[in-house]
Amino acid sequence: MKPSILIASLACVLAAPFMQLAHAQDKATAAEATAMVKKGVAFIKANGKDKGAAEISNKAGQFVDRDLYLVIYALDGTVRAHGANEKMVGKNLIDLKDVDGKEFVKERMELAKSKGTFWQDYKFTDPTTKKIAPKSMYCEKLDDAVVCGGIYK
């Protein structure tokens, strides 16, 4: 084998773990999602529902980071704020199903009412890849709403 081919092959083998690490760092973690939801809840408590919803819906704001963004739902399933798609604001998504037929918004509202703080799994479109992916959403009930932020797996 020529030395240049050997060096190039070795470089690829050695670089692979670092490329996987870089890709993993492009995705938010469960700890980051939990922290962002808590930060969002604190922001709403300090600044009110309207300012909170406006900041959470701001794609350039503090509540959007890579594939992690916050969403606020009223307990009837109506979107009050959405960090990835402002067109969803004002829509009632209670009957929305994922690709497997799971009524994840309905389930989310039931969990918010019964547990208050929870993780939920379903499938959704990753805003960075535009592909359907497994997602885990961390949510906290706040008065008559639920604030959520999720990670893609």
Protein backbone atom coordinates (compact mmCIF):
# COMPACT_ATOMS: atom_id res chain seq x y z
CA MET A 1 0.00 0.00 0.00
CA LYS A 2 1.32 3.44 -0.85
CA PRO A 3 2.28 5.58 2.16
CA SER A 4 -0.14 8.38 1.12
CA ILE A 5 -3.08 5.97 0.98
CA LEU A 6 -2.07 4.43 4.30
CA ILE A 7 -1.88 7.88 5.94
CA ALA A 8 -5.24 8.93 4.49
CA SER A 9 -6.86 5.69 5.67
CA LEU A 10 -5.37 6.06 9.12
CA ALA A 11 -6.57 9.68 9.31
CA CYS A 12 -10.13 8.61 8.48
CA VAL A 13 -10.09 5.87 11.12
CA LEU A 14 -8.74 8.24 13.76
CA ALA A 15 -11.15 11.05 12.84
CA ALA A 16 -14.33 8.93 12.96
CA PRO A 17 -14.85 9.09 16.76
CA PHE A 18 -14.39 12.86 16.69
CA MET A 19 -16.91 13.25 13.86
CA GLN A 20 -19.43 11.21 15.86
CA LEU A 21 -18.77 13.40 18.89
CA ALA A 22 -19.23 16.55 16.81
CA HIS A 23 -22.52 15.18 15.46
CA ALA A 24 -23.67 14.31 18.99
CA GLN A 25 -22.88 17.85 20.13
CA ASP A 26 -25.17 19.17 17.37
CA LYS A 27 -28.08 17.54 19.21
CA ALA A 28 -29.47 18.80 22.50
CA THR A 29 -29.30 16.57 25.57
CA ALA A 30 -31.98 15.66 28.10
CA ALA A 31 -30.23 17.85 30.68
CA GLU A 32 -30.26 20.81 28.26
CA ALA A 33 -33.97 20.31 27.51
CA THR A 34 -34.82 20.16 31.21
CA ALA A 35 -32.76 23.27 31.93
CA MET A 36 -34.35 25.20 29.04
CA VAL A 37 -37.89 24.33 30.15
CA LYS A 38 -37.08 25.45 33.70
CA LYS A 39 -35.57 28.67 32.32
CA GLY A 40 -38.69 29.22 30.18
CA VAL A 41 -41.01 28.67 33.15
CA ALA A 42 -38.95 31.14 35.22
CA PHE A 43 -39.04 33.68 32.37
CA ILE A 44 -42.84 33.43 32.10
CA LYS A 45 -43.24 33.79 35.88
CA ALA A 46 -40.99 36.87 35.89
CA ASN A 47 -42.28 38.54 32.71
CA GLY A 48 -45.85 37.33 32.23
CA LYS A 49 -47.57 35.02 29.75
CA ASP A 50 -47.56 37.42 26.79
CA LYS A 51 -43.85 38.31 26.95
CA GLY A 52 -43.04 34.67 27.65
CA ALA A 53 -44.96 33.48 24.62
CA ALA A 54 -43.37 36.14 22.41
CA GLU A 55 -39.84 35.24 23.52
CA ILE A 56 -40.43 31.49 23.19
CA SER A 57 -41.81 31.99 19.65
CA ASN A 58 -38.77 34.10 18.67
CA LYS A 59 -36.56 31.82 16.53
CA ALA A 60 -33.58 34.09 17.28
CA GLY A 61 -34.38 34.24 20.99
CA GLN A 62 -32.96 32.57 24.05
CA PHE A 63 -35.28 29.55 23.89
CA VAL A 64 -34.04 28.09 20.59
CA ASP A 65 -30.75 26.17 20.51
CA ARG A 66 -29.91 23.81 17.63
CA ASP A 67 -32.70 21.20 17.56
CA LEU A 68 -34.02 22.29 20.98
CA TYR A 69 -36.87 24.79 21.23
CA LEU A 70 -39.76 25.41 23.59
CA VAL A 71 -43.50 25.09 23.00
CA ILE A 72 -46.33 26.30 25.22
CA TYR A 73 -49.73 24.60 25.06
CA ALA A 74 -52.95 25.61 26.77
CA LEU A 75 -54.37 22.56 28.56
CA ASP A 76 -56.95 22.14 25.78
CA GLY A 77 -54.14 21.50 23.26
CA THR A 78 -53.98 24.99 21.73
CA VAL A 79 -50.45 26.18 20.94
CA ARG A 80 -49.65 29.48 22.69
CA ALA A 81 -46.01 29.67 21.59
CA HIS A 82 -43.75 27.62 19.32
CA GLY A 83 -40.01 28.12 18.95
CA ALA A 84 -39.67 26.26 15.65
CA ASN A 85 -42.90 27.10 13.79
CA GLU A 86 -44.80 30.28 14.61
CA LYS A 87 -47.56 29.19 12.19
CA MET A 88 -48.65 26.68 14.85
CA VAL A 89 -49.52 29.43 17.36
CA GLY A 90 -53.27 29.60 17.94
CA LYS A 91 -53.95 26.13 16.51
CA ASN A 92 -55.56 23.44 18.59
CA LEU A 93 -53.54 20.26 18.05
CA ILE A 94 -55.35 18.00 20.53
CA ASP A 95 -56.10 15.42 17.81
CA LEU A 96 -52.63 15.48 16.20
CA LYS A 97 -51.05 12.05 15.78
CA ASP A 98 -47.47 11.04 15.11
CA VAL A 99 -46.52 8.66 12.28
CA ASP A 100 -47.38 5.68 14.48
CA GLY A 101 -50.88 7.01 15.23
CA LYS A 102 -50.05 8.14 18.77
CA GLU A 103 -52.22 11.08 19.90
CA PHE A 104 -49.24 12.72 21.55
CA VAL A 105 -50.79 16.14 22.23
CA LYS A 106 -53.83 14.58 23.89
CA GLU A 107 -51.53 12.35 25.95
CA ARG A 108 -49.37 15.38 26.82
CA MET A 109 -52.37 17.30 28.15
CA GLU A 110 -53.46 14.29 30.23
CA LEU A 111 -49.94 13.93 31.66
CA ALA A 112 -49.78 17.65 32.43
CA LYS A 113 -53.05 17.46 34.36
CA SER A 114 -52.17 14.26 36.23
CA LYS A 115 -48.40 14.54 36.78
CA GLY A 116 -47.43 18.16 36.22
CA THR A 117 -43.82 17.35 35.32
CA PHE A 118 -42.96 14.51 32.94
CA TRP A 119 -41.10 13.09 29.93
CA GLN A 120 -43.04 11.87 26.90
CA ASP A 121 -41.87 9.85 23.87
CA TYR A 122 -43.27 10.12 20.34
CA LYS A 123 -42.06 10.80 16.78
CA PHE A 124 -41.78 14.23 15.21
CA THR A 125 -39.96 16.13 12.45
CA ASP A 126 -36.47 17.21 13.53
CA PRO A 127 -36.15 20.88 12.45
CA THR A 128 -32.45 20.47 11.65
CA THR A 129 -32.72 17.35 9.46
CA LYS A 130 -36.37 17.73 8.31
CA LYS A 131 -36.80 13.99 8.94
CA ILE A 132 -39.17 12.16 11.27
CA ALA A 133 -37.24 11.02 14.34
CA PRO A 134 -37.93 9.62 17.81
CA LYS A 135 -38.35 12.49 20.24
CA SER A 136 -38.53 12.79 24.01
CA MET A 137 -40.29 15.85 25.36
CA TYR A 138 -39.80 17.23 28.86
CA CYS A 139 -42.78 19.25 30.11
CA GLU A 140 -43.80 21.26 33.16
CA LYS A 141 -47.32 22.43 33.90
CA LEU A 142 -47.58 26.15 34.63
CA ASP A 143 -51.01 27.36 35.72
CA ASP A 144 -53.37 26.70 32.76
CA ALA A 145 -50.59 25.71 30.36
CA VAL A 146 -47.71 23.31 29.85
CA VAL A 147 -44.19 24.36 28.78
CA CYS A 148 -42.21 21.73 26.86
CA GLY A 149 -38.86 21.23 25.20
CA GLY A 150 -37.61 18.06 23.59
CA ILE A 151 -34.66 16.16 22.28
CA TYR A 152 -34.34 14.13 19.11
CA LYS A 153 -32.74 10.70 19.30
